[in-house]
């Protein structure tokens, strides 16, 4: 997943709980993907919205990459 995020140009980091976070490329975008076991939580403005599997998270990143 992190390799796909890198290929699509999205930065990532470890948060204080040692969970991976994939961040937006553009300043001002308010979403993030956070690892949660084998899934990803999509949050908007730090509010969890969707619980995604890796395929769904990659599709979300690919859509965001095309929109810019």
Protein backbone atom coordinates (compact mmCIF):
# COMPACT_ATOMS: atom_id res chain seq x y z
CA UNK A 1 0.00 0.00 0.00
CA UNK A 2 2.74 2.48 0.92
CA UNK A 3 4.60 1.62 -2.28
CA UNK A 4 1.46 2.40 -4.34
CA UNK A 5 1.04 5.68 -2.43
CA UNK A 6 4.65 6.61 -3.26
CA UNK A 7 4.19 5.77 -6.94
CA UNK A 8 1.09 8.01 -7.01
CA UNK A 9 3.03 10.79 -5.28
CA UNK A 10 1.46 10.77 -1.84
CA UNK A 11 3.62 11.26 1.26
CA UNK A 12 3.23 9.05 4.31
CA UNK A 13 4.40 9.01 7.91
CA UNK A 14 4.04 7.11 11.16
CA UNK A 15 1.72 8.72 13.70
CA UNK A 16 2.19 8.74 17.48
CA UNK A 17 0.46 5.35 17.74
CA UNK A 18 2.79 3.78 15.12
CA UNK A 19 0.03 3.65 12.51
CA UNK A 20 0.85 4.64 8.94
CA UNK A 21 -0.83 7.76 7.60
CA UNK A 22 -1.02 8.58 3.91
CA UNK A 23 -1.40 12.31 3.43
CA UNK A 24 -2.67 14.54 0.62
CA UNK A 25 -0.22 15.99 -1.89
CA UNK A 26 -1.92 19.38 -1.97
CA UNK A 27 -1.87 21.79 0.92
CA UNK A 28 -5.38 22.58 2.12
CA UNK A 29 -6.85 19.13 1.43
CA UNK A 30 -8.29 17.76 4.64
CA UNK A 31 -8.29 13.98 4.18
CA UNK A 32 -5.91 11.28 5.37
CA UNK A 33 -5.75 7.51 5.28
CA UNK A 34 -4.64 5.77 8.48
CA UNK A 35 -3.69 2.10 8.74
CA UNK A 36 -5.88 0.01 11.01
CA UNK A 37 -4.71 -3.58 11.04
CA UNK A 38 -5.27 -4.86 7.50
CA UNK A 39 -7.55 -1.95 6.54
CA UNK A 40 -7.43 1.83 6.14
CA UNK A 41 -9.55 4.55 7.75
CA UNK A 42 -10.38 7.51 5.51
CA UNK A 43 -10.77 10.64 7.64
CA UNK A 44 -11.96 14.06 6.55
CA UNK A 45 -11.03 16.97 8.81
CA UNK A 46 -9.79 14.39 11.35
CA UNK A 47 -13.22 12.70 11.52
CA UNK A 48 -13.23 9.02 10.49
CA UNK A 49 -15.60 8.48 7.56
CA UNK A 50 -14.93 5.14 5.85
CA UNK A 51 -13.20 1.85 6.65
CA UNK A 52 -11.49 0.70 3.42
CA UNK A 53 -9.65 -2.40 2.35
CA UNK A 54 -6.35 -1.90 0.49
CA UNK A 55 -7.96 -2.12 -2.95
CA UNK A 56 -10.51 0.56 -2.07
CA UNK A 57 -7.82 2.78 -0.54
CA UNK A 58 -5.67 2.47 -3.69
CA UNK A 59 -8.71 3.34 -5.84
CA UNK A 60 -9.28 6.43 -3.67
CA UNK A 61 -5.63 7.50 -4.07
CA UNK A 62 -5.73 6.90 -7.83
CA UNK A 63 -8.86 9.07 -8.08
CA UNK A 64 -7.20 11.84 -6.04
CA UNK A 65 -4.07 11.62 -8.21
CA UNK A 66 -6.13 12.05 -11.41
CA UNK A 67 -8.07 15.00 -10.03
CA UNK A 68 -4.97 17.22 -9.76
